[in-house]
PDB file of N, CA and C in Angstrom:
ATOM      1  N   UNK A   1      11.018  -5.183  -2.534  1.00  0.00           N
ATOM      2  CA  UNK A   1      12.445  -4.689  -2.562  1.00  0.00           C
ATOM      3  C   UNK A   1      12.072  -3.254  -1.919  1.00  0.00           C
ATOM      4  N   UNK A   2      13.532  -3.322  -2.126  1.00  0.00           N
ATOM      5  CA  UNK A   2      14.214  -1.554  -1.289  1.00  0.00           C
ATOM      6  C   UNK A   2      14.825  -0.812  -2.653  1.00  0.00           C
ATOM      7  N   UNK A   3      14.476   0.281  -3.006  1.00  0.00           N
ATOM      8  CA  UNK A   3      15.874   0.948  -3.900  1.00  0.00           C
ATOM      9  C   UNK A   3      16.887   0.853  -3.533  1.00  0.00           C
ATOM     10  N   UNK A   4      17.912   0.231  -4.685  1.00  0.00           N
ATOM     11  CA  UNK A   4      19.665   0.333  -4.596  1.00  0.00           C
ATOM     12  C   UNK A   4      19.945   1.472  -3.229  1.00  0.00           C
ATOM     13  N   UNK A   5      21.073   0.513  -2.735  1.00  0.00           N
ATOM     14  CA  UNK A   5      21.808   1.757  -1.692  1.00  0.00           C
ATOM     15  C   UNK A   5      22.353   2.981  -2.510  1.00  0.00           C
ATOM     16  N   UNK A   6      23.248   2.317  -3.591  1.00  0.00           N
ATOM     17  CA  UNK A   6      23.552   3.605  -5.207  1.00  0.00           C
ATOM     18  C   UNK A   6      22.636   4.297  -5.493  1.00  0.00           C
ATOM     19  N   UNK A   7      21.370   3.693  -5.814  1.00  0.00           N
ATOM     20  CA  UNK A   7      20.040   4.869  -5.709  1.00  0.00           C
ATOM     21  C   UNK A   7      19.672   5.861  -4.860  1.00  0.00           C
ATOM     22  N   UNK A   8      19.649   5.468  -3.845  1.00  0.00           N
ATOM     23  CA  UNK A   8      19.159   5.898  -2.817  1.00  0.00           C
ATOM     24  C   UNK A   8      19.901   6.896  -2.488  1.00  0.00           C
ATOM     25  N   UNK A   9      21.053   6.624  -2.255  1.00  0.00           N
ATOM     26  CA  UNK A   9      22.526   8.017  -2.101  1.00  0.00           C
ATOM     27  C   UNK A   9      22.586   9.009  -3.420  1.00  0.00           C
ATOM     28  N   UNK A  10      22.044   9.309  -4.145  1.00  0.00           N
ATOM     29  CA  UNK A  10      22.394   9.820  -5.324  1.00  0.00           C
ATOM     30  C   UNK A  10      22.023  10.929  -5.149  1.00  0.00           C
ATOM     31  N   UNK A  11      21.897  12.107  -5.276  1.00  0.00           N
ATOM     32  CA  UNK A  11      21.290  13.762  -5.073  1.00  0.00           C
ATOM     33  C   UNK A  11      19.770  13.521  -5.837  1.00  0.00           C
ATOM     34  N   UNK A  12      21.045  13.540  -7.673  1.00  0.00           N
ATOM     35  CA  UNK A  12      19.477  13.129  -8.234  1.00  0.00           C
ATOM     36  C   UNK A  12      19.097  12.351  -9.134  1.00  0.00           C
ATOM     37  N   UNK A  13      18.172  11.793  -9.630  1.00  0.00           N
ATOM     38  CA  UNK A  13      17.546  10.446 -10.611  1.00  0.00           C
ATOM     39  C   UNK A  13      17.320  11.355 -11.561  1.00  0.00           C
ATOM     40  N   UNK A  14      17.007  10.307 -11.938  1.00  0.00           N
ATOM     41  CA  UNK A  14      16.617  10.734 -13.837  1.00  0.00           C
ATOM     42  C   UNK A  14      15.093   9.741 -13.507  1.00  0.00           C
ATOM     43  N   UNK A  15      13.542   9.894 -13.352  1.00  0.00           N
ATOM     44  CA  UNK A  15      13.168   9.781 -13.495  1.00  0.00           C
ATOM     45  C   UNK A  15      12.327   9.434 -14.388  1.00  0.00           C
ATOM     46  N   UNK A  16      12.581   8.591 -15.260  1.00  0.00           N
ATOM     47  CA  UNK A  16      11.288   8.316 -16.616  1.00  0.00           C
ATOM     48  C   UNK A  16      10.350   7.435 -16.356  1.00  0.00           C
ATOM     49  N   UNK A  17       9.277   8.200 -17.098  1.00  0.00           N
ATOM     50  CA  UNK A  17       7.710   8.006 -17.295  1.00  0.00           C
ATOM     51  C   UNK A  17       7.698   7.551 -18.208  1.00  0.00           C
ATOM     52  N   UNK A  18       6.091   7.251 -18.550  1.00  0.00           N
ATOM     53  CA  UNK A  18       5.878   7.078 -20.208  1.00  0.00           C
ATOM     54  C   UNK A  18       4.491   7.251 -20.357  1.00  0.00           C
ATOM     55  N   UNK A  19       4.481   8.111 -21.914  1.00  0.00           N
ATOM     56  CA  UNK A  19       3.531   8.455 -22.433  1.00  0.00           C
ATOM     57  C   UNK A  19       2.841   6.765 -22.828  1.00  0.00           C
ATOM     58  N   UNK A  20       1.202   7.383 -23.054  1.00  0.00           N
ATOM     59  CA  UNK A  20       0.128   6.890 -23.541  1.00  0.00           C
ATOM     60  C   UNK A  20       0.412   5.490 -24.783  1.00  0.00           C
ATOM     61  N   UNK A  21       1.626   6.206 -25.642  1.00  0.00           N
ATOM     62  CA  UNK A  21       2.341   5.738 -26.863  1.00  0.00           C
ATOM     63  C   UNK A  21       3.440   5.310 -26.497  1.00  0.00           C
ATOM     64  N   UNK A  22       3.967   5.087 -25.286  1.00  0.00           N
ATOM     65  CA  UNK A  22       4.900   4.295 -24.562  1.00  0.00           C
ATOM     66  C   UNK A  22       6.391   4.837 -24.213  1.00  0.00           C
ATOM     67  N   UNK A  23       6.382   6.172 -25.293  1.00  0.00           N
ATOM     68  CA  UNK A  23       7.459   6.935 -24.933  1.00  0.00           C
ATOM     69  C   UNK A  23       7.771   7.172 -24.140  1.00  0.00           C
ATOM     70  N   UNK A  24       9.188   6.960 -24.072  1.00  0.00           N
ATOM     71  CA  UNK A  24       9.786   7.732 -22.637  1.00  0.00           C
ATOM     72  C   UNK A  24      10.032   8.780 -22.547  1.00  0.00           C
ATOM     73  N   UNK A  25       9.740   9.304 -20.843  1.00  0.00           N
ATOM     74  CA  UNK A  25      10.010  11.002 -20.763  1.00  0.00           C
ATOM     75  C   UNK A  25      11.252  10.904 -19.375  1.00  0.00           C
ATOM     76  N   UNK A  26      12.066  11.453 -20.166  1.00  0.00           N
ATOM     77  CA  UNK A  26      13.319  11.657 -18.286  1.00  0.00           C
ATOM     78  C   UNK A  26      12.773  12.972 -18.004  1.00  0.00           C
ATOM     79  N   UNK A  27      12.567  13.030 -16.937  1.00  0.00           N
ATOM     80  CA  UNK A  27      13.202  14.497 -15.878  1.00  0.00           C
ATOM     81  C   UNK A  27      14.126  13.996 -14.800  1.00  0.00           C
ATOM     82  N   UNK A  28      15.296  14.973 -15.106  1.00  0.00           N
ATOM     83  CA  UNK A  28      15.952  14.952 -13.959  1.00  0.00           C
ATOM     84  C   UNK A  28      15.060  15.539 -12.397  1.00  0.00           C
ATOM     85  N   UNK A  29      15.584  14.743 -10.873  1.00  0.00           N
ATOM     86  CA  UNK A  29      14.183  15.218 -10.077  1.00  0.00           C
ATOM     87  C   UNK A  29      15.740  15.047  -8.687  1.00  0.00           C
ATOM     88  N   UNK A  30      14.752  15.354  -7.213  1.00  0.00           N
ATOM     89  CA  UNK A  30      15.689  15.233  -6.699  1.00  0.00           C
ATOM     90  C   UNK A  30      14.810  14.072  -6.081  1.00  0.00           C
ATOM     91  N   UNK A  31      15.529  13.171  -4.969  1.00  0.00           N
ATOM     92  CA  UNK A  31      13.887  11.977  -4.037  1.00  0.00           C
ATOM     93  C   UNK A  31      15.061  11.676  -2.998  1.00  0.00           C
ATOM     94  N   UNK A  32      14.474  11.259  -2.197  1.00  0.00           N
ATOM     95  CA  UNK A  32      15.350  11.065  -0.810  1.00  0.00           C
ATOM     96  C   UNK A  32      14.770   9.235  -0.440  1.00  0.00           C
ATOM     97  N   UNK A  33      15.486   8.359   0.076  1.00  0.00           N
ATOM     98  CA  UNK A  33      14.670   7.633   0.214  1.00  0.00           C
ATOM     99  C   UNK A  33      14.928   7.138   1.733  1.00  0.00           C
ATOM    100  N   UNK A  34      13.504   6.792   2.238  1.00  0.00           N
ATOM    101  CA  UNK A  34      14.121   6.352   3.992  1.00  0.00           C
ATOM    102  C   UNK A  34      12.834   4.937   4.135  1.00  0.00           C
ATOM    103  N   UNK A  35      13.896   3.482   4.993  1.00  0.00           N
ATOM    104  CA  UNK A  35      12.980   2.247   4.544  1.00  0.00           C
ATOM    105  C   UNK A  35      12.794   2.034   3.399  1.00  0.00           C
ATOM    106  N   UNK A  36      13.779   1.932   2.659  1.00  0.00           N
ATOM    107  CA  UNK A  36      13.369   1.686   1.373  1.00  0.00           C
ATOM    108  C   UNK A  36      12.279   1.648   0.108  1.00  0.00           C
ATOM    109  N   UNK A  37      11.687   3.450   0.343  1.00  0.00           N
ATOM    110  CA  UNK A  37      10.805   3.683  -0.931  1.00  0.00           C
ATOM    111  C   UNK A  37      11.199   5.523  -0.548  1.00  0.00           C
ATOM    112  N   UNK A  38      11.210   5.764  -1.962  1.00  0.00           N
ATOM    113  CA  UNK A  38      12.140   6.790  -2.333  1.00  0.00           C
ATOM    114  C   UNK A  38      10.793   7.534  -3.166  1.00  0.00           C
ATOM    115  N   UNK A  39      11.382   8.837  -1.885  1.00  0.00           N
ATOM    116  CA  UNK A  39       9.269   9.875  -1.955  1.00  0.00           C
ATOM    117  C   UNK A  39      10.676  11.020  -3.211  1.00  0.00           C
ATOM    118  N   UNK A  40       9.473  11.670  -4.002  1.00  0.00           N
ATOM    119  CA  UNK A  40       9.776  12.563  -4.811  1.00  0.00           C
ATOM    120  C   UNK A  40       8.456  13.905  -4.397  1.00  0.00           C
ATOM    121  N   UNK A  41       8.795  15.015  -5.269  1.00  0.00           N
ATOM    122  CA  UNK A  41       8.027  15.932  -4.561  1.00  0.00           C
ATOM    123  C   UNK A  41       7.960  16.938  -6.058  1.00  0.00           C
ATOM    124  N   UNK A  42       7.176  17.136  -6.608  1.00  0.00           N
ATOM    125  CA  UNK A  42       6.661  17.583  -8.138  1.00  0.00           C
ATOM    126  C   UNK A  42       5.602  18.428  -8.003  1.00  0.00           C
ATOM    127  N   UNK A  43       5.735  19.527  -8.552  1.00  0.00           N
ATOM    128  CA  UNK A  43       4.001  20.201  -9.230  1.00  0.00           C
ATOM    129  C   UNK A  43       3.223  19.016  -9.588  1.00  0.00           C
ATOM    130  N   UNK A  44       1.730  19.992  -9.122  1.00  0.00           N
ATOM    131  CA  UNK A  44       0.890  18.812  -9.248  1.00  0.00           C
ATOM    132  C   UNK A  44      -0.048  18.531 -10.476  1.00  0.00           C
ATOM    133  N   UNK A  45       0.998  19.308 -10.845  1.00  0.00           N
ATOM    134  CA  UNK A  45       0.285  20.080 -12.796  1.00  0.00           C
ATOM    135  C   UNK A  45       0.859  19.317 -14.042  1.00  0.00           C
ATOM    136  N   UNK A  46       2.085  18.619 -13.186  1.00  0.00           N
ATOM    137  CA  UNK A  46       3.313  18.565 -14.136  1.00  0.00           C
ATOM    138  C   UNK A  46       3.012  16.999 -14.934  1.00  0.00           C
ATOM    139  N   UNK A  47       3.554  17.151 -16.302  1.00  0.00           N
ATOM    140  CA  UNK A  47       3.457  16.253 -16.637  1.00  0.00           C
ATOM    141  C   UNK A  47       3.481  14.687 -16.601  1.00  0.00           C
ATOM    142  N   UNK A  48       4.949  14.629 -15.485  1.00  0.00           N
ATOM    143  CA  UNK A  48       4.935  13.331 -14.652  1.00  0.00           C
ATOM    144  C   UNK A  48       3.973  12.602 -13.777  1.00  0.00           C
ATOM    145  N   UNK A  49       3.168  13.972 -13.535  1.00  0.00           N
ATOM    146  CA  UNK A  49       1.833  13.427 -12.462  1.00  0.00           C
ATOM    147  C   UNK A  49       0.705  12.555 -13.399  1.00  0.00           C
ATOM    148  N   UNK A  50       1.038  13.376 -14.426  1.00  0.00           N
ATOM    149  CA  UNK A  50      -0.236  12.907 -15.281  1.00  0.00           C
ATOM    150  C   UNK A  50       0.420  11.893 -16.044  1.00  0.00           C
ATOM    151  N   UNK A  51       1.436  11.577 -16.070  1.00  0.00           N
ATOM    152  CA  UNK A  51       1.757  10.054 -16.630  1.00  0.00           C
ATOM    153  C   UNK A  51       1.862   9.066 -15.793  1.00  0.00           C
ATOM    154  N   UNK A  52       1.814   9.061 -14.064  1.00  0.00           N
ATOM    155  CA  UNK A  52       2.037   8.368 -13.013  1.00  0.00           C
ATOM    156  C   UNK A  52       0.607   7.745 -12.698  1.00  0.00           C
ATOM    157  N   UNK A  53      -0.820   9.010 -12.495  1.00  0.00           N
ATOM    158  CA  UNK A  53      -1.802   8.212 -12.841  1.00  0.00           C
ATOM    159  C   UNK A  53      -1.877   7.122 -13.072  1.00  0.00           C
ATOM    160  N   UNK A  54      -1.415   7.933 -15.313  1.00  0.00           N
ATOM    161  CA  UNK A  54      -2.407   6.952 -15.996  1.00  0.00           C
ATOM    162  C   UNK A  54      -1.650   6.061 -15.962  1.00  0.00           C
ATOM    163  N   UNK A  55      -0.002   5.464 -15.729  1.00  0.00           N
ATOM    164  CA  UNK A  55       0.737   4.106 -15.965  1.00  0.00           C
ATOM    165  C   UNK A  55       1.826   4.742 -14.143  1.00  0.00           C
ATOM    166  N   UNK A  56       1.959   3.570 -13.738  1.00  0.00           N
ATOM    167  CA  UNK A  56       2.269   3.809 -12.273  1.00  0.00           C
ATOM    168  C   UNK A  56       3.945   3.133 -13.137  1.00  0.00           C
ATOM    169  N   UNK A  57       3.984   2.791 -13.918  1.00  0.00           N
ATOM    170  CA  UNK A  57       5.246   2.071 -14.488  1.00  0.00           C
ATOM    171  C   UNK A  57       6.877   3.245 -14.656  1.00  0.00           C
ATOM    172  N   UNK A  58       7.578   3.004 -13.940  1.00  0.00           N
ATOM    173  CA  UNK A  58       8.533   4.083 -13.848  1.00  0.00           C
ATOM    174  C   UNK A  58       9.932   3.085 -13.670  1.00  0.00           C
ATOM    175  N   UNK A  59      11.042   4.523 -14.189  1.00  0.00           N
ATOM    176  CA  UNK A  59      12.775   3.587 -14.071  1.00  0.00           C
ATOM    177  C   UNK A  59      13.626   4.471 -13.962  1.00  0.00           C
ATOM    178  N   UNK A  60      14.126   4.444 -12.489  1.00  0.00           N
ATOM    179  CA  UNK A  60      14.733   5.429 -12.002  1.00  0.00           C
ATOM    180  C   UNK A  60      16.333   5.265 -11.879  1.00  0.00           C
ATOM    181  N   UNK A  61      16.817   6.234 -12.760  1.00  0.00           N
ATOM    182  CA  UNK A  61      18.342   6.130 -13.418  1.00  0.00           C
ATOM    183  C   UNK A  61      19.410   7.181 -12.538  1.00  0.00           C
ATOM    184  N   UNK A  62      20.445   7.159 -11.703  1.00  0.00           N
ATOM    185  CA  UNK A  62      21.749   7.554 -11.145  1.00  0.00           C
ATOM    186  C   UNK A  62      21.720   9.097 -12.121  1.00  0.00           C
ATOM    187  N   UNK A  63      21.674  10.355 -12.077  1.00  0.00           N
ATOM    188  CA  UNK A  63      21.929  11.083 -12.818  1.00  0.00           C
ATOM    189  C   UNK A  63      23.245  12.318 -12.215  1.00  0.00           C
ATOM    190  N   UNK A  64      22.847  13.615 -13.060  1.00  0.00           N
ATOM    191  CA  UNK A  64      23.756  14.696 -12.707  1.00  0.00           C
ATOM    192  C   UNK A  64      22.602  15.936 -12.623  1.00  0.00           C
ATOM    193  N   UNK A  65      22.694  17.220 -11.833  1.00  0.00           N
ATOM    194  CA  UNK A  65      21.684  18.071 -11.942  1.00  0.00           C
ATOM    195  C   UNK A  65      20.397  18.447 -13.505  1.00  0.00           C
ATOM    196  N   UNK A  66      21.652  18.104 -14.690  1.00  0.00           N
ATOM    197  CA  UNK A  66      20.883  18.236 -15.592  1.00  0.00           C
ATOM    198  C   UNK A  66      20.158  17.500 -16.522  1.00  0.00           C
ATOM    199  N   UNK A  67      20.393  16.023 -15.608  1.00  0.00           N
ATOM    200  CA  UNK A  67      19.596  14.627 -16.139  1.00  0.00           C
ATOM    201  C   UNK A  67      20.935  13.751 -17.374  1.00  0.00           C
ATOM    202  N   UNK A  68      22.438  14.672 -16.987  1.00  0.00           N
ATOM    203  CA  UNK A  68      22.874  13.627 -17.888  1.00  0.00           C
ATOM    204  C   UNK A  68      23.327  12.579 -17.135  1.00  0.00           C
ATOM    205  N   UNK A  69      23.277  11.250 -17.952  1.00  0.00           N
ATOM    206  CA  UNK A  69      23.616   9.612 -17.308  1.00  0.00           C
ATOM    207  C   UNK A  69      24.922   9.284 -17.488  1.00  0.00           C
ATOM    208  N   UNK A  70      25.809   9.011 -16.367  1.00  0.00           N
ATOM    209  CA  UNK A  70      26.837   8.432 -17.172  1.00  0.00           C
ATOM    210  C   UNK A  70      26.781   6.640 -17.258  1.00  0.00           C
ATOM    211  N   UNK A  71      27.681   6.874 -17.906  1.00  0.00           N
ATOM    212  CA  UNK A  71      27.810   5.219 -18.288  1.00  0.00           C
ATOM    213  C   UNK A  71      27.611   4.033 -17.556  1.00  0.00           C
ATOM    214  N   UNK A  72      26.996   3.086 -17.218  1.00  0.00           N
ATOM    215  CA  UNK A  72      26.945   2.641 -16.068  1.00  0.00           C
ATOM    216  C   UNK A  72      26.916   2.720 -15.363  1.00  0.00           C
ATOM    217  N   UNK A  73      25.517   3.813 -15.223  1.00  0.00           N
ATOM    218  CA  UNK A  73      24.852   4.439 -14.453  1.00  0.00           C
ATOM    219  C   UNK A  73      23.831   3.354 -13.650  1.00  0.00           C
ATOM    220  N   UNK A  74      24.052   3.493 -12.517  1.00  0.00           N
ATOM    221  CA  UNK A  74      22.218   2.428 -11.274  1.00  0.00           C
ATOM    222  C   UNK A  74      21.569   3.073 -11.954  1.00  0.00           C
ATOM    223  N   UNK A  75      21.045   1.575 -12.082  1.00  0.00           N
ATOM    224  CA  UNK A  75      19.148   1.800 -12.386  1.00  0.00           C
ATOM    225  C   UNK A  75      18.130   0.563 -12.339  1.00  0.00           C
ATOM    226  N   UNK A  76      16.867   1.339 -11.915  1.00  0.00           N
ATOM    227  CA  UNK A  76      16.118   0.238 -11.414  1.00  0.00           C
ATOM    228  C   UNK A  76      14.727  -0.058 -11.626  1.00  0.00           C
ATOM    229  N   UNK A  77      13.687  -0.724 -12.179  1.00  0.00           N
ATOM    230  CA  UNK A  77      12.828  -0.709 -11.932  1.00  0.00           C
ATOM    231  C   UNK A  77      11.119  -0.426 -11.027  1.00  0.00           C
ATOM    232  N   UNK A  78      10.521   0.442 -11.519  1.00  0.00           N
ATOM    233  CA  UNK A  78       9.892   0.300 -10.315  1.00  0.00           C
ATOM    234  C   UNK A  78       8.255   0.959 -10.371  1.00  0.00           C
ATOM    235  N   UNK A  79       7.521   1.165  -9.389  1.00  0.00           N
ATOM    236  CA  UNK A  79       5.869   1.306  -9.792  1.00  0.00           C
ATOM    237  C   UNK A  79       5.908   2.993  -8.477  1.00  0.00           C
ATOM    238  N   UNK A  80       5.684   3.759  -9.152  1.00  0.00           N
ATOM    239  CA  UNK A  80       5.003   5.208  -9.142  1.00  0.00           C
ATOM    240  C   UNK A  80       3.376   5.479  -8.500  1.00  0.00           C
ATOM    241  N   UNK A  81       3.223   6.060  -7.332  1.00  0.00           N
ATOM    242  CA  UNK A  81       2.020   6.019  -7.122  1.00  0.00           C
ATOM    243  C   UNK A  81       1.896   7.347  -6.425  1.00  0.00           C
ATOM    244  N   UNK A  82       1.037   8.622  -6.934  1.00  0.00           N
ATOM    245  CA  UNK A  82       0.723   9.670  -6.513  1.00  0.00           C
ATOM    246  C   UNK A  82      -0.077   9.775  -5.197  1.00  0.00           C
ATOM    247  N   UNK A  83       0.532  10.820  -4.074  1.00  0.00           N
ATOM    248  CA  UNK A  83       0.113  10.637  -3.007  1.00  0.00           C
ATOM    249  C   UNK A  83      -0.995  11.254  -2.341  1.00  0.00           C
ATOM    250  N   UNK A  84      -1.574  10.954  -1.745  1.00  0.00           N
ATOM    251  CA  UNK A  84      -3.097  12.360  -1.004  1.00  0.00           C
ATOM    252  C   UNK A  84      -2.362  13.084  -0.381  1.00  0.00           C
ATOM    253  N   UNK A  85      -2.805  14.083   0.368  1.00  0.00           N
ATOM    254  CA  UNK A  85      -2.641  15.403   1.157  1.00  0.00           C
ATOM    255  C   UNK A  85      -1.836  14.758   2.016  1.00  0.00           C
ATOM    256  N   UNK A  86      -1.920  13.900   3.197  1.00  0.00           N
ATOM    257  CA  UNK A  86      -1.366  13.603   4.131  1.00  0.00           C
ATOM    258  C   UNK A  86       0.353  12.744   2.984  1.00  0.00           C
ATOM    259  N   UNK A  87       0.347  12.100   2.565  1.00  0.00           N
ATOM    260  CA  UNK A  87       1.623  11.945   1.964  1.00  0.00           C
ATOM    261  C   UNK A  87       1.799  12.337   1.571  1.00  0.00           C
ATOM    262  N   UNK A  88       1.636  13.534   0.774  1.00  0.00           N
ATOM    263  CA  UNK A  88       2.841  14.769   0.364  1.00  0.00           C
ATOM    264  C   UNK A  88       3.366  15.877   1.580  1.00  0.00           C
ATOM    265  N   UNK A  89       2.602  15.563   2.096  1.00  0.00           N
ATOM    266  CA  UNK A  89       3.243  16.718   3.384  1.00  0.00           C
ATOM    267  C   UNK A  89       4.518  15.317   4.001  1.00  0.00           C
ATOM    268  N   UNK A  90       5.022  14.627   4.280  1.00  0.00           N
ATOM    269  CA  UNK A  90       5.444  13.294   4.303  1.00  0.00           C
ATOM    270  C   UNK A  90       6.461  13.514   3.335  1.00  0.00           C
ATOM    271  N   UNK A  91       6.106  13.434   2.273  1.00  0.00           N
ATOM    272  CA  UNK A  91       7.055  13.628   1.359  1.00  0.00           C
ATOM    273  C   UNK A  91       7.545  14.917   1.078  1.00  0.00           C
ATOM    274  N   UNK A  92       6.661  15.918   1.680  1.00  0.00           N
ATOM    275  CA  UNK A  92       7.938  17.357   1.239  1.00  0.00           C
ATOM    276  C   UNK A  92       9.062  17.731   2.080  1.00  0.00           C
ATOM    277  N   UNK A  93       8.173  16.960   3.801  1.00  0.00           N
ATOM    278  CA  UNK A  93       9.322  16.512   4.865  1.00  0.00           C
ATOM    279  C   UNK A  93      10.349  15.870   4.959  1.00  0.00           C
ATOM    280  N   UNK A  94      10.312  15.068   4.204  1.00  0.00           N
ATOM    281  CA  UNK A  94      11.373  13.940   4.198  1.00  0.00           C
ATOM    282  C   UNK A  94      12.091  14.572   2.717  1.00  0.00           C
ATOM    283  N   UNK A  95      12.271  15.073   1.688  1.00  0.00           N
ATOM    284  CA  UNK A  95      12.799  15.656   1.175  1.00  0.00           C
ATOM    285  C   UNK A  95      13.737  17.063   1.105  1.00  0.00           C
ATOM    286  N   UNK A  96      12.492  17.840   2.036  1.00  0.00           N
ATOM    287  CA  UNK A  96      13.158  18.562   2.546  1.00  0.00           C
ATOM    288  C   UNK A  96      15.049  18.371   3.761  1.00  0.00           C
ATOM    289  N   UNK A  97      14.725  17.228   4.008  1.00  0.00           N
ATOM    290  CA  UNK A  97      15.333  17.385   5.371  1.00  0.00           C
ATOM    291  C   UNK A  97      16.521  16.508   4.434  1.00  0.00           C
ATOM    292  N   UNK A  98      16.438  16.587   3.271  1.00  0.00           N
ATOM    293  CA  UNK A  98      17.771  15.559   2.951  1.00  0.00           C
ATOM    294  C   UNK A  98      18.308  17.335   1.652  1.00  0.00           C
ATOM    295  N   UNK A  99      17.602  18.312   1.872  1.00  0.00           N
ATOM    296  CA  UNK A  99      18.080  19.546   0.512  1.00  0.00           C
ATOM    297  C   UNK A  99      17.762  20.882   1.401  1.00  0.00           C
ATOM    298  N   UNK A 100      18.945  21.412   1.209  1.00  0.00           N
ATOM    299  CA  UNK A 100      18.783  23.552   1.750  1.00  0.00           C
ATOM    300  C   UNK A 100      18.049  23.064   1.686  1.00  0.00           C
ATOM    301  N   UNK A 101      18.487  23.375  -0.065  1.00  0.00           N
ATOM    302  CA  UNK A 101      17.498  24.302  -0.977  1.00  0.00           C
ATOM    303  C   UNK A 101      15.484  24.534  -0.719  1.00  0.00           C
ATOM    304  N   UNK A 102      15.211  22.979  -0.343  1.00  0.00           N
ATOM    305  CA  UNK A 102      13.708  23.242  -0.517  1.00  0.00           C
ATOM    306  C   UNK A 102      13.462  23.736   0.677  1.00  0.00           C
ATOM    307  N   UNK A 103      14.270  23.359   1.422  1.00  0.00           N
ATOM    308  CA  UNK A 103      14.053  24.221   3.471  1.00  0.00           C
ATOM    309  C   UNK A 103      14.210  25.493   3.072  1.00  0.00           C
ATOM    310  N   UNK A 104      15.212  26.136   2.303  1.00  0.00           N
ATOM    311  CA  UNK A 104      14.779  27.524   2.653  1.00  0.00           C
ATOM    312  C   UNK A 104      13.971  28.360   1.440  1.00  0.00           C
ATOM    313  N   UNK A 105      13.551  27.762   0.245  1.00  0.00           N
ATOM    314  CA  UNK A 105      12.443  28.010  -0.583  1.00  0.00           C
ATOM    315  C   UNK A 105      11.126  28.193   0.054  1.00  0.00           C
ATOM    316  N   UNK A 106      10.679  27.201   1.292  1.00  0.00           N
ATOM    317  CA  UNK A 106      10.124  27.043   1.698  1.00  0.00           C
ATOM    318  C   UNK A 106       9.838  27.784   2.841  1.00  0.00           C
ATOM    319  N   UNK A 107      10.839  28.060   3.381  1.00  0.00           N
ATOM    320  CA  UNK A 107      11.205  29.187   4.760  1.00  0.00           C
ATOM    321  C   UNK A 107      10.692  30.653   3.382  1.00  0.00           C
ATOM    322  N   UNK A 108      11.366  30.651   2.732  1.00  0.00           N
ATOM    323  CA  UNK A 108      11.470  31.709   1.946  1.00  0.00           C
ATOM    324  C   UNK A 108       9.671  32.374   2.156  1.00  0.00           C
ATOM    325  N   UNK A 109       8.896  31.294   0.783  1.00  0.00           N
ATOM    326  CA  UNK A 109       7.278  31.427   0.681  1.00  0.00           C
ATOM    327  C   UNK A 109       6.222  31.521   1.387  1.00  0.00           C
ATOM    328  N   UNK A 110       6.637  30.799   2.809  1.00  0.00           N
ATOM    329  CA  UNK A 110       5.944  31.593   4.746  1.00  0.00           C
ATOM    330  C   UNK A 110       6.317  32.689   4.382  1.00  0.00           C
ATOM    331  N   UNK A 111       7.788  33.449   5.524  1.00  0.00           N
ATOM    332  CA  UNK A 111       7.728  33.594   5.550  1.00  0.00           C
ATOM    333  C   UNK A 111       7.354  35.043   4.676  1.00  0.00           C
ATOM    334  N   UNK A 112       7.757  35.440   3.232  1.00  0.00           N
ATOM    335  CA  UNK A 112       7.135  36.491   2.269  1.00  0.00           C
ATOM    336  C   UNK A 112       5.786  35.823   2.030  1.00  0.00           C
ATOM    337  N   UNK A 113       4.607  34.768   1.996  1.00  0.00           N
ATOM    338  CA  UNK A 113       3.645  34.405   1.914  1.00  0.00           C
ATOM    339  C   UNK A 113       3.371  34.829   0.126  1.00  0.00           C
ATOM    340  N   UNK A 114       5.106  34.461  -0.163  1.00  0.00           N
ATOM    341  CA  UNK A 114       4.667  34.233  -1.979  1.00  0.00           C
ATOM    342  C   UNK A 114       4.032  32.770  -2.324  1.00  0.00           C
ATOM    343  N   UNK A 115       3.194  33.267  -3.300  1.00  0.00           N
ATOM    344  CA  UNK A 115       2.958  32.033  -4.236  1.00  0.00           C
ATOM    345  C   UNK A 115       3.372  30.885  -4.858  1.00  0.00           C
ATOM    346  N   UNK A 116       2.521  29.995  -4.430  1.00  0.00           N
ATOM    347  CA  UNK A 116       3.552  28.827  -4.684  1.00  0.00           C
ATOM    348  C   UNK A 116       2.866  27.665  -5.535  1.00  0.00           C
ATOM    349  N   UNK A 117       2.465  27.097  -6.486  1.00  0.00           N
ATOM    350  CA  UNK A 117       2.282  26.025  -7.241  1.00  0.00           C
ATOM    351  C   UNK A 117       1.741  25.141  -6.168  1.00  0.00           C
ATOM    352  N   UNK A 118       0.742  24.503  -6.509  1.00  0.00           N
ATOM    353  CA  UNK A 118       0.359  23.155  -5.306  1.00  0.00           C
ATOM    354  C   UNK A 118       1.916  22.280  -5.916  1.00  0.00           C
ATOM    355  N   UNK A 119       2.258  21.579  -4.813  1.00  0.00           N
ATOM    356  CA  UNK A 119       2.592  20.435  -5.116  1.00  0.00           C
ATOM    357  C   UNK A 119       2.464  19.513  -4.652  1.00  0.00           C
ATOM    358  N   UNK A 120       2.992  17.952  -4.960  1.00  0.00           N
ATOM    359  CA  UNK A 120       2.485  16.745  -4.731  1.00  0.00           C
ATOM    360  C   UNK A 120       2.925  15.046  -4.786  1.00  0.00           C
ATOM    361  N   UNK A 121       2.916  14.842  -3.862  1.00  0.00           N
ATOM    362  CA  UNK A 121       3.724  13.447  -3.319  1.00  0.00           C
ATOM    363  C   UNK A 121       4.366  12.699  -4.241  1.00  0.00           C
ATOM    364  N   UNK A 122       5.223  11.595  -4.448  1.00  0.00           N
ATOM    365  CA  UNK A 122       5.286  10.752  -5.575  1.00  0.00           C
ATOM    366  C   UNK A 122       5.831  10.207  -4.814  1.00  0.00           C
ATOM    367  N   UNK A 123       5.487   8.704  -4.896  1.00  0.00           N
ATOM    368  CA  UNK A 123       6.697   7.493  -3.917  1.00  0.00           C
ATOM    369  C   UNK A 123       7.000   6.608  -5.336  1.00  0.00           C
ATOM    370  N   UNK A 124       8.475   6.351  -4.788  1.00  0.00           N
ATOM    371  CA  UNK A 124       8.377   5.106  -5.728  1.00  0.00           C
ATOM    372  C   UNK A 124       9.261   4.130  -5.548  1.00  0.00           C
ATOM    373  N   UNK A 125       8.505   2.360  -5.751  1.00  0.00           N
ATOM    374  CA  UNK A 125       8.524   1.843  -5.492  1.00  0.00           C
ATOM    375  C   UNK A 125       9.453   0.553  -5.871  1.00  0.00           C
ATOM    376  N   UNK A 126      10.553  -0.093  -5.773  1.00  0.00           N
ATOM    377  CA  UNK A 126      11.968  -0.880  -5.886  1.00  0.00           C
ATOM    378  C   UNK A 126      11.150  -2.657  -6.069  1.00  0.00           C
TER     379      UNK A 126
END
């Protein structure tokens, strides 16, 4: 099944991952959807990445920059997967196409040889 259109069009989604004890942890993230597959890029050592490696169940909900979810916001349950190096490069390119700030940050880091934390791509299938 594909990511619902109203979620795919959104600028931010609240990505809910689950701790070992089942506690939900919500994090606002940028997302870009292509061919029904949602791509997210995160720091490789982020908690959400560790939780996804252990349990791929996720929920995505349209939210604002701060992660606030409006009444009746579109939500979908899905499965997340951490990508390998090639998949991460693809995810970074897809997310960068949607977000100018991502392109600017990548350009600055490359131009000025800034140290960046390693990142990893994540896909979400609904």
